[in-house]
N, C-alpha and C. Protein backbone atom coordinates (compact mmCIF):
# COMPACT_ATOMS: atom_id res chain seq x y z
N MET A 1 5.32 -21.30 -19.92
CA MET A 1 6.39 -21.82 -19.17
C MET A 1 5.90 -22.60 -17.89
N ALA A 2 6.35 -23.73 -17.64
CA ALA A 2 6.00 -24.51 -16.52
C ALA A 2 6.67 -23.89 -15.26
N THR A 3 6.33 -24.35 -14.12
CA THR A 3 6.84 -23.86 -12.81
C THR A 3 8.38 -24.28 -12.82
N VAL A 4 9.10 -23.55 -12.09
CA VAL A 4 10.53 -23.87 -11.89
C VAL A 4 10.77 -24.07 -10.35
N ALA A 5 11.61 -24.96 -9.94
CA ALA A 5 12.01 -25.01 -8.56
C ALA A 5 13.07 -24.03 -8.30
N VAL A 6 12.96 -23.29 -7.17
CA VAL A 6 13.98 -22.27 -6.86
C VAL A 6 14.45 -22.62 -5.46
N THR A 7 15.75 -22.39 -5.27
CA THR A 7 16.39 -22.76 -3.97
C THR A 7 16.98 -21.45 -3.43
N THR A 8 17.53 -21.59 -2.20
CA THR A 8 18.18 -20.36 -1.54
C THR A 8 19.26 -19.90 -2.50
N LYS A 9 19.91 -20.69 -3.19
CA LYS A 9 21.05 -20.34 -4.02
C LYS A 9 20.67 -19.35 -5.17
N ASP A 10 19.50 -19.62 -5.78
CA ASP A 10 19.08 -18.99 -7.10
C ASP A 10 17.86 -18.08 -6.87
N PHE A 11 17.36 -17.95 -5.61
CA PHE A 11 16.17 -17.14 -5.37
C PHE A 11 16.39 -15.64 -5.83
N GLU A 12 17.45 -14.99 -5.18
CA GLU A 12 17.75 -13.54 -5.43
C GLU A 12 17.83 -13.32 -6.94
N GLN A 13 18.66 -14.19 -7.60
CA GLN A 13 18.84 -13.98 -9.06
C GLN A 13 17.53 -14.12 -9.83
N THR A 14 16.76 -15.08 -9.45
CA THR A 14 15.39 -15.22 -10.11
C THR A 14 14.61 -13.93 -10.01
N ILE A 15 14.57 -13.39 -8.76
CA ILE A 15 13.78 -12.26 -8.49
C ILE A 15 14.32 -11.07 -9.30
N SER A 16 15.65 -10.93 -9.28
CA SER A 16 16.22 -9.68 -9.91
C SER A 16 16.26 -9.77 -11.48
N ASP A 17 16.39 -10.99 -11.94
CA ASP A 17 16.48 -11.18 -13.44
C ASP A 17 15.21 -11.19 -14.17
N ASN A 18 14.10 -11.18 -13.54
CA ASN A 18 12.77 -11.33 -14.13
C ASN A 18 11.86 -10.17 -13.72
N GLU A 19 11.05 -9.58 -14.58
CA GLU A 19 10.24 -8.49 -14.21
C GLU A 19 9.16 -8.88 -13.20
N LEU A 20 8.49 -10.05 -13.59
CA LEU A 20 7.39 -10.52 -12.72
C LEU A 20 7.52 -11.89 -12.32
N VAL A 21 7.58 -12.14 -10.99
CA VAL A 21 7.82 -13.58 -10.51
C VAL A 21 6.75 -13.90 -9.45
N LEU A 22 6.11 -15.02 -9.66
CA LEU A 22 5.14 -15.51 -8.63
C LEU A 22 5.88 -16.73 -7.92
N VAL A 23 5.89 -16.63 -6.63
CA VAL A 23 6.62 -17.67 -5.83
C VAL A 23 5.59 -18.34 -4.90
N ASP A 24 5.57 -19.64 -5.03
CA ASP A 24 4.67 -20.58 -4.23
C ASP A 24 5.59 -21.20 -3.24
N PHE A 25 5.54 -20.80 -1.94
CA PHE A 25 6.24 -21.43 -0.89
C PHE A 25 5.28 -22.60 -0.41
N TRP A 26 5.82 -23.77 -0.46
CA TRP A 26 5.00 -24.97 -0.16
C TRP A 26 5.76 -26.03 0.61
N ALA A 27 5.12 -27.09 0.97
CA ALA A 27 5.71 -28.28 1.55
C ALA A 27 4.97 -29.53 1.15
N THR A 28 5.73 -30.58 0.95
CA THR A 28 5.18 -31.92 0.61
C THR A 28 4.13 -32.43 1.48
N TRP A 29 4.15 -32.14 2.77
CA TRP A 29 3.31 -32.67 3.79
C TRP A 29 1.97 -31.88 3.88
N CYS A 30 1.88 -30.74 3.13
CA CYS A 30 0.87 -29.73 3.34
C CYS A 30 -0.34 -30.06 2.32
N GLY A 31 -1.52 -30.44 2.84
CA GLY A 31 -2.65 -30.70 1.99
C GLY A 31 -3.08 -29.53 1.11
N PRO A 32 -3.35 -28.33 1.70
CA PRO A 32 -3.67 -27.16 0.90
C PRO A 32 -2.59 -26.85 -0.22
N CYS A 33 -1.37 -27.20 0.09
CA CYS A 33 -0.30 -26.99 -0.92
C CYS A 33 -0.51 -27.85 -2.11
N ARG A 34 -0.91 -29.12 -1.88
CA ARG A 34 -1.16 -30.11 -2.87
C ARG A 34 -2.31 -29.69 -3.71
N ALA A 35 -3.35 -29.02 -3.05
CA ALA A 35 -4.51 -28.60 -3.80
C ALA A 35 -4.27 -27.46 -4.58
N PHE A 36 -3.38 -26.45 -4.10
CA PHE A 36 -3.04 -25.29 -4.87
C PHE A 36 -2.06 -25.56 -5.99
N GLY A 37 -1.23 -26.54 -5.83
CA GLY A 37 -0.28 -26.91 -6.85
C GLY A 37 -0.66 -26.93 -8.21
N PRO A 38 -1.85 -27.70 -8.60
CA PRO A 38 -2.27 -27.75 -10.02
C PRO A 38 -2.83 -26.36 -10.56
N VAL A 39 -3.33 -25.56 -9.55
CA VAL A 39 -3.88 -24.22 -9.91
C VAL A 39 -2.66 -23.32 -10.36
N PHE A 40 -1.64 -23.39 -9.58
CA PHE A 40 -0.45 -22.63 -9.89
C PHE A 40 0.28 -23.08 -11.20
N GLU A 41 0.26 -24.42 -11.32
CA GLU A 41 0.86 -25.00 -12.59
C GLU A 41 0.06 -24.53 -13.83
N LYS A 42 -1.21 -24.61 -13.71
CA LYS A 42 -2.13 -24.25 -14.86
C LYS A 42 -1.96 -22.72 -15.15
N ALA A 43 -1.78 -21.95 -14.14
CA ALA A 43 -1.61 -20.43 -14.37
C ALA A 43 -0.22 -20.20 -15.03
N SER A 44 0.74 -21.06 -14.66
CA SER A 44 2.06 -20.85 -15.29
C SER A 44 2.06 -21.16 -16.79
N GLU A 45 1.26 -22.14 -17.16
CA GLU A 45 1.15 -22.53 -18.58
C GLU A 45 0.32 -21.51 -19.36
N ALA A 46 -0.59 -20.79 -18.70
CA ALA A 46 -1.43 -19.74 -19.39
C ALA A 46 -0.67 -18.36 -19.44
N ASN A 47 0.42 -18.24 -18.64
CA ASN A 47 1.21 -16.96 -18.63
C ASN A 47 2.68 -17.30 -18.77
N PRO A 48 3.09 -17.61 -20.04
CA PRO A 48 4.50 -18.07 -20.25
C PRO A 48 5.48 -16.94 -20.16
N ASP A 49 5.10 -15.65 -20.05
CA ASP A 49 5.95 -14.53 -20.00
C ASP A 49 6.26 -14.28 -18.49
N ILE A 50 5.67 -15.02 -17.56
CA ILE A 50 5.90 -14.76 -16.16
C ILE A 50 6.57 -15.96 -15.54
N VAL A 51 7.56 -15.70 -14.63
CA VAL A 51 8.21 -16.79 -13.97
C VAL A 51 7.38 -17.25 -12.77
N PHE A 52 7.07 -18.57 -12.71
CA PHE A 52 6.30 -19.17 -11.68
C PHE A 52 7.28 -20.10 -10.97
N ALA A 53 7.67 -19.67 -9.76
CA ALA A 53 8.76 -20.41 -8.99
C ALA A 53 8.10 -21.10 -7.78
N LYS A 54 8.60 -22.27 -7.43
CA LYS A 54 8.14 -23.06 -6.35
C LYS A 54 9.31 -23.25 -5.33
N VAL A 55 9.07 -22.97 -4.11
CA VAL A 55 10.10 -23.13 -3.02
C VAL A 55 9.58 -24.16 -2.04
N ASP A 56 10.27 -25.24 -1.91
CA ASP A 56 10.04 -26.21 -0.86
C ASP A 56 10.64 -25.75 0.39
N ILE A 57 9.80 -25.41 1.34
CA ILE A 57 10.29 -24.72 2.58
C ILE A 57 11.16 -25.75 3.43
N ASP A 58 10.87 -27.03 3.31
CA ASP A 58 11.67 -27.91 4.07
C ASP A 58 13.12 -28.14 3.57
N GLU A 59 13.17 -27.96 2.22
CA GLU A 59 14.57 -27.97 1.58
C GLU A 59 15.22 -26.69 1.60
N ASN A 60 14.51 -25.64 1.88
CA ASN A 60 15.09 -24.17 1.80
C ASN A 60 14.66 -23.45 3.01
N GLN A 61 15.02 -23.92 4.25
CA GLN A 61 14.49 -23.33 5.49
C GLN A 61 15.06 -21.96 5.70
N GLU A 62 16.34 -21.67 5.28
CA GLU A 62 16.93 -20.40 5.45
C GLU A 62 16.11 -19.34 4.60
N LEU A 63 15.79 -19.73 3.36
CA LEU A 63 15.03 -18.86 2.48
C LEU A 63 13.66 -18.56 3.05
N ALA A 64 12.92 -19.55 3.40
CA ALA A 64 11.60 -19.49 4.01
C ALA A 64 11.67 -18.55 5.27
N THR A 65 12.63 -18.64 6.10
CA THR A 65 12.79 -17.75 7.25
C THR A 65 12.97 -16.30 6.82
N ALA A 66 13.95 -16.15 5.85
CA ALA A 66 14.30 -14.82 5.39
C ALA A 66 13.13 -14.17 4.75
N ALA A 67 12.21 -14.94 4.10
CA ALA A 67 11.09 -14.45 3.44
C ALA A 67 9.94 -14.21 4.36
N GLY A 68 10.09 -14.53 5.60
CA GLY A 68 9.03 -14.39 6.61
C GLY A 68 7.84 -15.37 6.42
N ILE A 69 8.10 -16.48 5.90
CA ILE A 69 7.10 -17.48 5.69
C ILE A 69 6.61 -18.18 7.00
N GLN A 70 5.33 -18.01 7.40
CA GLN A 70 4.94 -18.56 8.66
C GLN A 70 3.84 -19.63 8.42
N ALA A 71 3.37 -19.71 7.27
CA ALA A 71 2.34 -20.78 6.90
C ALA A 71 2.53 -21.07 5.45
N VAL A 72 2.07 -22.28 5.11
CA VAL A 72 2.08 -22.71 3.71
C VAL A 72 0.74 -23.21 3.33
N PRO A 73 0.27 -23.09 2.07
CA PRO A 73 1.10 -22.31 1.04
C PRO A 73 1.08 -20.78 1.21
N THR A 74 2.18 -20.19 0.84
CA THR A 74 2.21 -18.70 0.82
C THR A 74 2.62 -18.36 -0.58
N LEU A 75 1.87 -17.38 -1.15
CA LEU A 75 2.15 -16.91 -2.51
C LEU A 75 2.83 -15.53 -2.27
N MET A 76 3.92 -15.33 -2.94
CA MET A 76 4.61 -14.07 -3.01
C MET A 76 4.72 -13.63 -4.48
N ILE A 77 4.50 -12.28 -4.70
CA ILE A 77 4.57 -11.86 -6.04
C ILE A 77 5.62 -10.63 -5.99
N THR A 78 6.62 -10.73 -6.84
CA THR A 78 7.61 -9.73 -6.98
C THR A 78 7.52 -9.07 -8.40
N LYS A 79 7.65 -7.76 -8.43
CA LYS A 79 7.76 -7.12 -9.74
C LYS A 79 8.99 -6.16 -9.76
N LYS A 80 9.84 -6.26 -10.71
CA LYS A 80 11.06 -5.48 -10.79
C LYS A 80 11.82 -5.55 -9.45
N GLY A 81 11.88 -6.78 -8.84
CA GLY A 81 12.64 -7.03 -7.68
C GLY A 81 12.01 -6.67 -6.40
N GLN A 82 10.80 -6.02 -6.40
CA GLN A 82 10.13 -5.63 -5.26
C GLN A 82 8.95 -6.58 -4.93
N VAL A 83 8.81 -6.91 -3.58
CA VAL A 83 7.67 -7.69 -3.22
C VAL A 83 6.44 -6.76 -3.22
N VAL A 84 5.44 -7.20 -4.05
CA VAL A 84 4.22 -6.49 -4.18
C VAL A 84 3.05 -7.07 -3.58
N PHE A 85 3.17 -8.42 -3.24
CA PHE A 85 2.07 -9.16 -2.73
C PHE A 85 2.66 -10.41 -1.97
N LYS A 86 2.14 -10.61 -0.74
CA LYS A 86 2.45 -11.84 -0.04
C LYS A 86 1.28 -12.20 0.90
N GLN A 87 0.78 -13.50 0.69
CA GLN A 87 -0.42 -13.97 1.44
C GLN A 87 -0.35 -15.45 1.58
N ALA A 88 -0.68 -15.90 2.81
CA ALA A 88 -0.77 -17.37 3.01
C ALA A 88 -2.17 -17.84 2.63
N GLY A 89 -2.23 -19.08 2.25
CA GLY A 89 -3.53 -19.73 1.93
C GLY A 89 -3.55 -20.07 0.51
N ALA A 90 -4.21 -21.15 0.20
CA ALA A 90 -4.45 -21.64 -1.20
C ALA A 90 -5.51 -20.71 -1.87
N LEU A 91 -5.30 -20.42 -3.14
CA LEU A 91 -6.21 -19.57 -3.89
C LEU A 91 -6.92 -20.36 -4.86
N ARG A 92 -8.12 -19.82 -5.28
CA ARG A 92 -8.82 -20.42 -6.30
C ARG A 92 -8.27 -19.88 -7.64
N ALA A 93 -8.42 -20.55 -8.70
CA ALA A 93 -7.88 -20.23 -10.05
C ALA A 93 -8.36 -18.79 -10.40
N SER A 94 -9.59 -18.45 -10.16
CA SER A 94 -10.11 -17.08 -10.55
C SER A 94 -9.38 -16.02 -9.71
N ASP A 95 -9.08 -16.31 -8.47
CA ASP A 95 -8.49 -15.29 -7.61
C ASP A 95 -6.98 -15.18 -8.04
N LEU A 96 -6.33 -16.24 -8.41
CA LEU A 96 -4.97 -16.17 -8.90
C LEU A 96 -4.92 -15.42 -10.19
N ASP A 97 -5.86 -15.63 -11.06
CA ASP A 97 -5.93 -14.96 -12.34
C ASP A 97 -6.08 -13.40 -12.10
N ASP A 98 -6.89 -13.02 -11.17
CA ASP A 98 -7.12 -11.63 -10.80
C ASP A 98 -5.86 -11.05 -10.28
N LEU A 99 -5.11 -11.71 -9.42
CA LEU A 99 -3.87 -11.26 -8.82
C LEU A 99 -2.82 -11.06 -10.02
N ILE A 100 -2.80 -11.93 -10.87
CA ILE A 100 -1.83 -11.83 -11.96
C ILE A 100 -2.14 -10.59 -12.81
N ALA A 101 -3.45 -10.41 -13.08
CA ALA A 101 -3.79 -9.16 -13.83
C ALA A 101 -3.43 -7.82 -13.05
N GLN A 102 -3.71 -7.84 -11.73
CA GLN A 102 -3.27 -6.69 -11.03
C GLN A 102 -1.87 -6.45 -10.94
N ALA A 103 -1.10 -7.51 -10.81
CA ALA A 103 0.41 -7.47 -10.81
C ALA A 103 0.92 -6.98 -12.14
N ARG A 104 0.29 -7.41 -13.24
CA ARG A 104 0.74 -6.97 -14.59
C ARG A 104 0.53 -5.44 -14.75
N GLY A 105 -0.63 -4.96 -14.12
CA GLY A 105 -0.92 -3.56 -14.33
C GLY A 105 -0.32 -2.63 -13.30
N LEU A 106 0.39 -3.21 -12.27
CA LEU A 106 0.92 -2.39 -11.25
C LEU A 106 2.18 -1.70 -11.79
N ASP A 107 2.31 -0.33 -11.54
CA ASP A 107 3.43 0.37 -11.91
C ASP A 107 4.22 0.64 -10.59
N VAL A 108 5.31 -0.24 -10.34
CA VAL A 108 6.07 -0.17 -9.19
C VAL A 108 6.89 1.13 -9.12
N ASN A 109 7.17 1.75 -10.27
CA ASN A 109 7.90 2.94 -10.22
C ASN A 109 7.02 4.13 -9.79
N ALA A 110 5.73 4.06 -10.10
CA ALA A 110 4.90 5.19 -9.76
C ALA A 110 4.43 5.15 -8.28
N ALA A 111 4.42 3.94 -7.68
CA ALA A 111 3.90 3.74 -6.34
C ALA A 111 4.66 4.66 -5.27
N PRO A 112 6.05 4.70 -5.28
CA PRO A 112 6.65 5.48 -4.28
C PRO A 112 6.43 6.97 -4.54
N ALA A 113 6.33 7.44 -5.76
CA ALA A 113 6.14 8.87 -6.02
C ALA A 113 4.68 9.16 -5.53
N ALA A 114 3.75 8.32 -5.73
CA ALA A 114 2.36 8.62 -5.35
C ALA A 114 2.28 8.64 -3.73
N ALA A 115 3.03 7.77 -3.06
CA ALA A 115 3.11 7.78 -1.65
C ALA A 115 3.64 9.02 -1.12
N GLU A 116 4.75 9.47 -1.81
CA GLU A 116 5.43 10.73 -1.40
C GLU A 116 4.47 11.89 -1.59
N GLU A 117 3.70 11.94 -2.66
CA GLU A 117 2.80 13.03 -2.90
C GLU A 117 1.72 13.10 -1.82
N GLN A 118 1.20 11.94 -1.42
CA GLN A 118 0.21 11.89 -0.39
C GLN A 118 0.69 12.36 1.00
N ALA A 119 1.98 11.95 1.24
CA ALA A 119 2.62 12.35 2.49
C ALA A 119 2.76 13.85 2.59
N ALA A 120 3.00 14.47 1.33
CA ALA A 120 3.26 15.92 1.39
C ALA A 120 1.96 16.74 1.47
N GLU A 121 0.81 16.12 1.32
CA GLU A 121 -0.41 16.84 1.35
C GLU A 121 -0.87 17.12 2.74
């Protein structure tokens, strides 16, 4: 699946309707965003079962503010509606592939239980 443009209107639905979503917050004037774009696009083609969304922060300022975006590019990963990763900066293809593998393997249902168990100790 290629990348999809997401706006303030359909962001929440995109996150809630899909198990794993990678969101690239970017801007047309941003050099590192233009460098990261092809890396993100290639990863989307290699992982057709994952939604790869792009949010233009200039066209979706409310969404960028609500998501706490302070620099671009920023990559956000959600799994089962929960933000599991958010980091500013362009990534190399190998680093993005590694993040995708980690996100696939992450059990978001087990994480709260594990945190509760550690707190009880």
